[in-house]
Amino acid sequence: MTCESFRARFHKDTEDAELLAHVRECDACLDHAANLDADIIFRAIGGEIVPPGGVDAFVDDVMRQVRLRDAETSLAQHRVLSWPRRLAVAATLIAGITGALLVNRVERTQPHQFGPVQRAALRHLTTKPVVETYASEKATIVEVPAEQAAGDVQIVMIFDENLPADL
């Protein structure tokens, strides 16, 4: 069969075996026929246009896939931060870093002095009692020299038989 005779005899929804055989062999005629009738590809293959399980099963499967893709895209959209949230996160980070630097700078420039409120708070935070003053004739008191700036907490060891064991 020639391409001219195919184009002259071809019409939509044709079932002619000779025309379908020519479509399987000639790409130019397949393009021409597909422009006129998209189902020609299925008829030329010789397959059934109705999917296995019927049209209803096919539609249910397609709709299940559509719902699954919708769920995937809706979940993926929540992972991305919008620009106002990104701006808020950046501002929070900058404020936190700036605050930490300012606190660090103030602590370096001013020696830390414990007032009565800070000492009371320190007593509640420590697991062992804090000894502020101690006077005994039998005790041996050893102070560890401070390498840091004056005003820092000094480490003192007290050796006395009269002290409780957990002090």
N, C-alpha and C. Protein backbone atom coordinates (compact mmCIF):
# COMPACT_ATOMS: atom_id res chain seq x y z
N MET A 1 0.86 -1.18 0.00
CA MET A 1 0.00 0.00 0.00
C MET A 1 0.90 1.24 0.00
N THR A 2 0.55 2.21 -0.76
CA THR A 2 1.31 3.45 -0.83
C THR A 2 0.72 4.45 0.16
N CYS A 3 1.51 5.44 0.47
CA CYS A 3 1.08 6.46 1.43
C CYS A 3 -0.09 7.27 0.87
N GLU A 4 -0.11 7.52 -0.46
CA GLU A 4 -1.20 8.28 -1.04
C GLU A 4 -2.52 7.52 -0.93
N SER A 5 -2.49 6.22 -1.20
CA SER A 5 -3.72 5.43 -1.11
C SER A 5 -4.17 5.31 0.35
N PHE A 6 -3.19 5.24 1.29
CA PHE A 6 -3.55 5.19 2.72
C PHE A 6 -4.28 6.46 3.12
N ARG A 7 -3.74 7.61 2.72
CA ARG A 7 -4.34 8.89 3.11
C ARG A 7 -5.71 9.08 2.44
N ALA A 8 -5.88 8.51 1.29
CA ALA A 8 -7.17 8.63 0.62
C ALA A 8 -8.23 7.74 1.28
N ARG A 9 -7.85 6.58 1.75
CA ARG A 9 -8.81 5.63 2.32
C ARG A 9 -9.00 5.79 3.83
N PHE A 10 -8.06 6.47 4.50
CA PHE A 10 -8.12 6.53 5.98
C PHE A 10 -9.24 7.45 6.43
N HIS A 11 -9.98 7.00 7.42
CA HIS A 11 -11.00 7.81 8.08
C HIS A 11 -10.98 7.47 9.57
N LYS A 12 -11.58 8.34 10.35
CA LYS A 12 -11.59 8.17 11.80
C LYS A 12 -12.34 6.89 12.17
N ASP A 13 -11.81 6.17 13.18
CA ASP A 13 -12.38 4.93 13.69
C ASP A 13 -12.33 3.79 12.67
N THR A 14 -11.37 3.81 11.80
CA THR A 14 -11.25 2.73 10.81
C THR A 14 -10.75 1.45 11.48
N GLU A 15 -11.22 0.33 10.99
CA GLU A 15 -10.80 -0.98 11.49
C GLU A 15 -10.22 -1.81 10.35
N ASP A 16 -9.95 -1.18 9.22
CA ASP A 16 -9.43 -1.90 8.06
C ASP A 16 -8.04 -2.46 8.39
N ALA A 17 -7.85 -3.77 8.24
CA ALA A 17 -6.60 -4.43 8.61
C ALA A 17 -5.45 -3.97 7.74
N GLU A 18 -5.72 -3.72 6.43
CA GLU A 18 -4.66 -3.29 5.53
C GLU A 18 -4.16 -1.90 5.91
N LEU A 19 -5.06 -1.00 6.29
CA LEU A 19 -4.66 0.35 6.71
C LEU A 19 -3.88 0.30 8.03
N LEU A 20 -4.33 -0.53 8.94
CA LEU A 20 -3.63 -0.64 10.24
C LEU A 20 -2.25 -1.25 10.07
N ALA A 21 -2.10 -2.18 9.13
CA ALA A 21 -0.78 -2.78 8.87
C ALA A 21 0.17 -1.73 8.29
N HIS A 22 -0.35 -0.87 7.40
CA HIS A 22 0.51 0.18 6.83
C HIS A 22 0.94 1.18 7.91
N VAL A 23 0.05 1.51 8.85
CA VAL A 23 0.39 2.44 9.92
C VAL A 23 1.52 1.89 10.78
N ARG A 24 1.55 0.57 10.96
CA ARG A 24 2.62 -0.04 11.77
C ARG A 24 3.98 0.07 11.07
N GLU A 25 4.01 0.20 9.77
CA GLU A 25 5.27 0.22 9.02
C GLU A 25 5.72 1.62 8.62
N CYS A 26 4.82 2.57 8.47
CA CYS A 26 5.16 3.89 7.94
C CYS A 26 4.97 4.96 9.02
N ASP A 27 6.05 5.59 9.43
CA ASP A 27 6.00 6.63 10.46
C ASP A 27 5.28 7.89 9.98
N ALA A 28 5.46 8.25 8.72
CA ALA A 28 4.82 9.46 8.21
C ALA A 28 3.30 9.31 8.22
N CYS A 29 2.81 8.13 7.82
CA CYS A 29 1.36 7.90 7.83
C CYS A 29 0.84 7.77 9.26
N LEU A 30 1.65 7.25 10.16
CA LEU A 30 1.23 7.17 11.57
C LEU A 30 1.04 8.58 12.13
N ASP A 31 1.96 9.50 11.83
CA ASP A 31 1.81 10.88 12.29
C ASP A 31 0.56 11.52 11.70
N HIS A 32 0.32 11.29 10.41
CA HIS A 32 -0.87 11.84 9.76
C HIS A 32 -2.15 11.28 10.41
N ALA A 33 -2.17 9.98 10.63
CA ALA A 33 -3.35 9.33 11.20
C ALA A 33 -3.56 9.75 12.66
N ALA A 34 -2.48 9.91 13.41
CA ALA A 34 -2.60 10.30 14.82
C ALA A 34 -3.13 11.72 14.94
N ASN A 35 -2.84 12.58 13.99
CA ASN A 35 -3.39 13.93 14.02
C ASN A 35 -4.90 13.92 13.79
N LEU A 36 -5.37 12.96 13.02
CA LEU A 36 -6.81 12.87 12.75
C LEU A 36 -7.55 12.05 13.80
N ASP A 37 -6.90 10.99 14.30
CA ASP A 37 -7.55 10.07 15.25
C ASP A 37 -6.48 9.55 16.20
N ALA A 38 -6.48 10.02 17.45
CA ALA A 38 -5.44 9.62 18.41
C ALA A 38 -5.54 8.14 18.80
N ASP A 39 -6.70 7.55 18.68
CA ASP A 39 -6.86 6.14 19.05
C ASP A 39 -6.29 5.18 18.01
N ILE A 40 -5.82 5.68 16.89
CA ILE A 40 -5.27 4.81 15.86
C ILE A 40 -4.06 4.04 16.37
N ILE A 41 -3.35 4.62 17.30
CA ILE A 41 -2.16 3.95 17.85
C ILE A 41 -2.57 2.66 18.54
N PHE A 42 -3.63 2.69 19.32
CA PHE A 42 -4.08 1.47 20.00
C PHE A 42 -4.62 0.44 19.00
N ARG A 43 -5.36 0.90 18.00
CA ARG A 43 -5.90 -0.03 17.02
C ARG A 43 -4.80 -0.62 16.17
N ALA A 44 -3.75 0.18 15.86
CA ALA A 44 -2.65 -0.32 15.04
C ALA A 44 -1.84 -1.37 15.78
N ILE A 45 -1.71 -1.21 17.07
CA ILE A 45 -0.98 -2.20 17.87
C ILE A 45 -1.77 -3.50 17.90
N GLY A 46 -3.06 -3.40 17.81
CA GLY A 46 -3.90 -4.57 17.87
C GLY A 46 -4.39 -4.83 19.27
N GLY A 47 -4.15 -3.89 20.18
CA GLY A 47 -4.54 -4.07 21.56
C GLY A 47 -5.96 -3.61 21.81
N GLU A 48 -6.41 -3.88 22.98
CA GLU A 48 -7.75 -3.52 23.41
C GLU A 48 -7.70 -2.11 23.99
N ILE A 49 -8.66 -1.28 23.60
CA ILE A 49 -8.69 0.08 24.10
C ILE A 49 -9.17 0.09 25.55
N VAL A 50 -9.99 -0.83 25.94
CA VAL A 50 -10.49 -0.90 27.31
C VAL A 50 -9.39 -1.51 28.17
N PRO A 51 -8.99 -0.85 29.24
CA PRO A 51 -7.92 -1.38 30.08
C PRO A 51 -8.37 -2.62 30.84
N PRO A 52 -7.41 -3.43 31.31
CA PRO A 52 -7.78 -4.61 32.09
C PRO A 52 -8.50 -4.21 33.38
N GLY A 53 -9.55 -4.92 33.71
CA GLY A 53 -10.34 -4.61 34.89
C GLY A 53 -11.47 -3.66 34.59
N GLY A 54 -11.52 -3.11 33.40
CA GLY A 54 -12.58 -2.21 33.02
C GLY A 54 -12.20 -0.75 33.22
N VAL A 55 -13.03 0.10 32.67
CA VAL A 55 -12.78 1.54 32.72
C VAL A 55 -12.90 2.05 34.14
N ASP A 56 -13.84 1.52 34.92
CA ASP A 56 -14.03 2.00 36.29
C ASP A 56 -12.80 1.72 37.16
N ALA A 57 -12.21 0.54 37.02
CA ALA A 57 -11.01 0.21 37.79
C ALA A 57 -9.86 1.11 37.37
N PHE A 58 -9.77 1.40 36.08
CA PHE A 58 -8.71 2.27 35.58
C PHE A 58 -8.88 3.69 36.15
N VAL A 59 -10.10 4.20 36.14
CA VAL A 59 -10.38 5.55 36.66
C VAL A 59 -10.10 5.60 38.16
N ASP A 60 -10.48 4.56 38.90
CA ASP A 60 -10.20 4.52 40.35
C ASP A 60 -8.70 4.55 40.61
N ASP A 61 -7.94 3.81 39.81
CA ASP A 61 -6.48 3.78 39.99
C ASP A 61 -5.87 5.15 39.67
N VAL A 62 -6.35 5.78 38.62
CA VAL A 62 -5.83 7.11 38.26
C VAL A 62 -6.17 8.12 39.35
N MET A 63 -7.39 8.09 39.87
CA MET A 63 -7.78 9.04 40.91
C MET A 63 -7.00 8.79 42.21
N ARG A 64 -6.69 7.54 42.51
CA ARG A 64 -5.87 7.23 43.68
C ARG A 64 -4.48 7.84 43.53
N GLN A 65 -3.93 7.75 42.32
CA GLN A 65 -2.62 8.35 42.06
C GLN A 65 -2.69 9.88 42.16
N VAL A 66 -3.76 10.47 41.68
CA VAL A 66 -3.92 11.93 41.76
C VAL A 66 -3.98 12.38 43.20
N ARG A 67 -4.75 11.67 44.04
CA ARG A 67 -4.84 12.04 45.46
C ARG A 67 -3.49 11.88 46.16
N LEU A 68 -2.76 10.83 45.79
CA LEU A 68 -1.43 10.61 46.38
C LEU A 68 -0.48 11.74 46.00
N ARG A 69 -0.48 12.15 44.74
CA ARG A 69 0.38 13.25 44.31
C ARG A 69 -0.01 14.57 44.97
N ASP A 70 -1.32 14.79 45.14
CA ASP A 70 -1.78 16.01 45.84
C ASP A 70 -1.28 16.03 47.28
N ALA A 71 -1.34 14.87 47.94
CA ALA A 71 -0.86 14.80 49.32
C ALA A 71 0.64 15.05 49.38
N GLU A 72 1.38 14.51 48.43
CA GLU A 72 2.83 14.72 48.42
C GLU A 72 3.17 16.20 48.23
N THR A 73 2.49 16.85 47.29
CA THR A 73 2.80 18.26 47.04
C THR A 73 2.35 19.14 48.20
N SER A 74 1.23 18.80 48.85
CA SER A 74 0.80 19.63 49.97
C SER A 74 1.75 19.49 51.15
N LEU A 75 2.31 18.30 51.36
CA LEU A 75 3.28 18.13 52.43
C LEU A 75 4.61 18.80 52.08
N ALA A 76 4.99 18.75 50.84
CA ALA A 76 6.26 19.36 50.43
C ALA A 76 6.20 20.88 50.56
N GLN A 77 5.03 21.49 50.38
CA GLN A 77 4.92 22.93 50.48
C GLN A 77 5.11 23.41 51.91
N HIS A 78 4.79 22.59 52.91
CA HIS A 78 4.93 23.01 54.29
C HIS A 78 6.38 22.97 54.75
N ARG A 79 7.22 22.22 54.06
CA ARG A 79 8.63 22.14 54.45
C ARG A 79 9.39 23.41 54.09
N VAL A 80 8.96 24.08 53.06
CA VAL A 80 9.65 25.27 52.60
C VAL A 80 9.22 26.47 53.46
N LEU A 81 10.20 27.20 53.94
CA LEU A 81 9.90 28.40 54.74
C LEU A 81 9.63 29.57 53.81
N SER A 82 8.59 30.30 54.11
CA SER A 82 8.30 31.48 53.32
C SER A 82 9.31 32.58 53.69
N TRP A 83 9.37 33.62 52.86
CA TRP A 83 10.38 34.66 53.12
C TRP A 83 10.13 35.40 54.42
N PRO A 84 8.89 35.62 54.90
CA PRO A 84 8.76 36.27 56.22
C PRO A 84 9.29 35.40 57.35
N ARG A 85 9.09 34.08 57.24
CA ARG A 85 9.63 33.20 58.28
C ARG A 85 11.15 33.17 58.24
N ARG A 86 11.71 33.15 57.04
CA ARG A 86 13.17 33.18 56.92
C ARG A 86 13.73 34.46 57.52
N LEU A 87 13.04 35.57 57.27
CA LEU A 87 13.46 36.86 57.82
C LEU A 87 13.38 36.84 59.34
N ALA A 88 12.32 36.24 59.88
CA ALA A 88 12.16 36.16 61.34
C ALA A 88 13.24 35.29 61.96
N VAL A 89 13.57 34.17 61.32
CA VAL A 89 14.63 33.29 61.83
C VAL A 89 15.97 34.01 61.79
N ALA A 90 16.24 34.72 60.70
CA ALA A 90 17.51 35.46 60.60
C ALA A 90 17.59 36.55 61.66
N ALA A 91 16.49 37.27 61.89
CA ALA A 91 16.49 38.33 62.91
C ALA A 91 16.69 37.75 64.30
N THR A 92 16.08 36.60 64.58
CA THR A 92 16.27 35.96 65.88
C THR A 92 17.71 35.53 66.09
N LEU A 93 18.30 34.94 65.05
CA LEU A 93 19.71 34.54 65.17
C LEU A 93 20.62 35.75 65.38
N ILE A 94 20.39 36.81 64.64
CA ILE A 94 21.22 38.01 64.80
C ILE A 94 21.05 38.60 66.19
N ALA A 95 19.82 38.65 66.69
CA ALA A 95 19.59 39.19 68.03
C ALA A 95 20.25 38.32 69.10
N GLY A 96 20.18 37.01 68.94
CA GLY A 96 20.82 36.11 69.91
C GLY A 96 22.33 36.25 69.92
N ILE A 97 22.93 36.30 68.75
CA ILE A 97 24.39 36.44 68.66
C ILE A 97 24.83 37.79 69.20
N THR A 98 24.10 38.85 68.86
CA THR A 98 24.44 40.19 69.36
C THR A 98 24.33 40.24 70.88
N GLY A 99 23.26 39.66 71.42
CA GLY A 99 23.11 39.64 72.88
C GLY A 99 24.22 38.87 73.57
N ALA A 100 24.60 37.73 73.01
CA ALA A 100 25.68 36.94 73.60
C ALA A 100 27.00 37.70 73.56
N LEU A 101 27.26 38.39 72.46
CA LEU A 101 28.49 39.18 72.37
C LEU A 101 28.49 40.33 73.36
N LEU A 102 27.36 41.00 73.53
CA LEU A 102 27.29 42.10 74.49
C LEU A 102 27.48 41.60 75.92
N VAL A 103 26.87 40.50 76.27
CA VAL A 103 27.04 39.95 77.62
C VAL A 103 28.49 39.55 77.85
N ASN A 104 29.10 38.94 76.86
CA ASN A 104 30.50 38.53 76.98
C ASN A 104 31.39 39.76 77.14
N ARG A 105 31.11 40.82 76.42
CA ARG A 105 31.92 42.03 76.51
C ARG A 105 31.77 42.69 77.88
N VAL A 106 30.55 42.75 78.41
CA VAL A 106 30.31 43.36 79.72
C VAL A 106 31.01 42.56 80.81
N GLU A 107 30.96 41.22 80.70
CA GLU A 107 31.61 40.40 81.73
C GLU A 107 33.12 40.58 81.71
N ARG A 108 33.70 40.82 80.55
CA ARG A 108 35.15 41.00 80.48
C ARG A 108 35.58 42.37 81.03
N THR A 109 34.77 43.39 80.83
CA THR A 109 35.16 44.73 81.24
C THR A 109 34.87 45.01 82.71
N GLN A 110 33.86 44.35 83.28
CA GLN A 110 33.50 44.60 84.69
C GLN A 110 33.75 43.33 85.50
N PRO A 111 34.52 43.44 86.58
CA PRO A 111 34.70 42.25 87.41
C PRO A 111 33.37 41.86 88.04
N HIS A 112 33.17 40.60 88.14
CA HIS A 112 31.90 40.09 88.65
C HIS A 112 31.91 40.12 90.18
N GLN A 113 31.01 40.89 90.75
CA GLN A 113 30.90 41.00 92.21
C GLN A 113 29.62 40.30 92.63
N PHE A 114 29.75 39.42 93.60
CA PHE A 114 28.58 38.74 94.14
C PHE A 114 27.96 39.58 95.23
N GLY A 115 26.69 39.94 95.06
CA GLY A 115 25.94 40.62 96.10
C GLY A 115 25.21 39.59 96.94
N PRO A 116 24.45 40.03 97.94
CA PRO A 116 23.74 39.08 98.79
C PRO A 116 22.71 38.25 98.02
N VAL A 117 22.08 38.84 97.04
CA VAL A 117 21.08 38.09 96.26
C VAL A 117 21.76 37.01 95.42
N GLN A 118 22.90 37.37 94.79
CA GLN A 118 23.62 36.40 93.97
C GLN A 118 24.18 35.28 94.83
N ARG A 119 24.66 35.61 96.04
CA ARG A 119 25.18 34.57 96.91
C ARG A 119 24.08 33.61 97.35
N ALA A 120 22.90 34.14 97.63
CA ALA A 120 21.78 33.27 98.00
C ALA A 120 21.39 32.37 96.83
N ALA A 121 21.40 32.93 95.64
CA ALA A 121 21.08 32.14 94.46
C ALA A 121 22.16 31.08 94.22
N LEU A 122 23.42 31.45 94.44
CA LEU A 122 24.52 30.51 94.27
C LEU A 122 24.41 29.35 95.26
N ARG A 123 23.98 29.63 96.46
CA ARG A 123 23.81 28.58 97.46
C ARG A 123 22.74 27.57 97.01
N HIS A 124 21.69 28.06 96.34
CA HIS A 124 20.63 27.17 95.89
C HIS A 124 21.05 26.36 94.66
N LEU A 125 22.00 26.85 93.92
CA LEU A 125 22.43 26.17 92.70
C LEU A 125 23.52 25.13 92.94
N THR A 126 24.28 25.29 94.00
CA THR A 126 25.38 24.37 94.24
C THR A 126 24.88 23.14 95.00
N THR A 127 25.59 22.03 94.81
CA THR A 127 25.21 20.80 95.50
C THR A 127 25.85 20.72 96.88
N LYS A 128 26.94 21.41 97.05
CA LYS A 128 27.63 21.44 98.34
C LYS A 128 27.48 22.83 98.95
N PRO A 129 27.55 22.95 100.28
CA PRO A 129 27.43 24.28 100.90
C PRO A 129 28.58 25.19 100.51
N VAL A 130 28.28 26.48 100.43
CA VAL A 130 29.29 27.48 100.15
C VAL A 130 29.74 28.08 101.47
N VAL A 131 31.07 28.09 101.68
CA VAL A 131 31.63 28.66 102.91
C VAL A 131 32.11 30.05 102.59
N GLU A 132 31.49 31.06 103.23
CA GLU A 132 31.90 32.43 102.98
C GLU A 132 33.03 32.84 103.93
N THR A 133 32.90 32.50 105.17
CA THR A 133 33.97 32.79 106.15
C THR A 133 34.14 31.56 107.01
N TYR A 134 35.38 31.37 107.48
CA TYR A 134 35.66 30.24 108.36
C TYR A 134 36.86 30.61 109.21
N ALA A 135 36.71 30.43 110.50
CA ALA A 135 37.81 30.73 111.41
C ALA A 135 37.94 29.57 112.40
N SER A 136 39.11 28.99 112.44
CA SER A 136 39.38 27.90 113.38
C SER A 136 40.88 27.84 113.59
N GLU A 137 41.27 27.54 114.84
CA GLU A 137 42.70 27.47 115.15
C GLU A 137 43.29 26.14 114.70
N LYS A 138 42.48 25.07 114.64
CA LYS A 138 42.99 23.75 114.30
C LYS A 138 42.88 23.45 112.79
N ALA A 139 42.18 24.30 112.04
CA ALA A 139 41.96 24.02 110.63
C ALA A 139 43.14 24.45 109.79
N THR A 140 43.34 23.72 108.71
CA THR A 140 44.33 24.09 107.71
C THR A 140 43.55 24.59 106.50
N ILE A 141 43.80 25.83 106.13
CA ILE A 141 43.08 26.44 105.01
C ILE A 141 44.08 26.66 103.88
N VAL A 142 43.75 26.12 102.71
CA VAL A 142 44.63 26.24 101.55
C VAL A 142 43.86 26.97 100.46
N GLU A 143 44.44 28.07 99.96
CA GLU A 143 43.82 28.81 98.87
C GLU A 143 44.58 28.52 97.59
N VAL A 144 43.84 28.23 96.55
CA VAL A 144 44.46 28.00 95.24
C VAL A 144 44.62 29.35 94.59
N PRO A 145 45.82 29.70 94.13
CA PRO A 145 46.01 31.02 93.53
C PRO A 145 45.14 31.19 92.28
N ALA A 146 44.52 32.36 92.19
CA ALA A 146 43.64 32.65 91.05
C ALA A 146 44.47 33.17 89.89
N GLU A 147 44.26 32.59 88.71
CA GLU A 147 44.97 33.05 87.52
C GLU A 147 44.14 34.07 86.77
N GLN A 148 42.91 34.24 87.18
CA GLN A 148 42.01 35.13 86.46
C GLN A 148 41.96 36.48 87.16
N ALA A 149 41.14 37.37 86.66
CA ALA A 149 41.02 38.72 87.20
C ALA A 149 40.49 38.67 88.63
N ALA A 150 40.80 39.71 89.37
CA ALA A 150 40.34 39.80 90.76
C ALA A 150 38.83 39.86 90.80
N GLY A 151 38.25 39.33 91.84
CA GLY A 151 36.81 39.34 91.99
C GLY A 151 36.19 38.00 91.59
N ASP A 152 36.96 37.12 90.96
CA ASP A 152 36.43 35.81 90.60
C ASP A 152 36.37 34.93 91.84
N VAL A 153 35.60 33.89 91.78
CA VAL A 153 35.47 32.97 92.90
C VAL A 153 36.79 32.23 93.07
N GLN A 154 37.27 32.19 94.31
CA GLN A 154 38.52 31.50 94.59
C GLN A 154 38.23 30.10 95.10
N ILE A 155 39.12 29.21 94.82
CA ILE A 155 38.98 27.84 95.31
C ILE A 155 39.75 27.73 96.61
N VAL A 156 39.05 27.31 97.66
CA VAL A 156 39.65 27.19 99.00
C VAL A 156 39.39 25.78 99.50
N MET A 157 40.43 25.15 100.03
CA MET A 157 40.28 23.83 100.64
C MET A 157 40.48 23.98 102.14
N ILE A 158 39.54 23.42 102.90
CA ILE A 158 39.59 23.49 104.36
C ILE A 158 39.75 22.09 104.90
N PHE A 159 40.79 21.89 105.68
CA PHE A 159 41.03 20.61 106.33
C PHE A 159 40.82 20.81 107.83
N ASP A 160 39.75 20.23 108.36
CA ASP A 160 39.44 20.35 109.77
C ASP A 160 38.67 19.10 110.19
N GLU A 161 39.07 18.52 111.31
CA GLU A 161 38.43 17.30 111.77
C GLU A 161 37.02 17.56 112.29
N ASN A 162 36.70 18.79 112.68
CA ASN A 162 35.40 19.13 113.24
C ASN A 162 34.34 19.38 112.16
N LEU A 163 34.74 19.51 110.88
CA LEU A 163 33.78 19.77 109.81
C LEU A 163 33.03 18.49 109.44
N PRO A 164 31.79 18.60 108.99
CA PRO A 164 31.07 17.42 108.51
C PRO A 164 31.75 16.85 107.25
N ALA A 165 31.56 15.60 106.99
CA ALA A 165 32.26 14.93 105.89
C ALA A 165 31.81 15.42 104.53
N ASP A 166 30.56 15.87 104.39
CA ASP A 166 30.07 16.28 103.08
C ASP A 166 30.35 17.74 102.75
N LEU A 167 31.03 18.46 103.59
CA LEU A 167 31.32 19.87 103.33
C LEU A 167 32.61 20.02 102.59
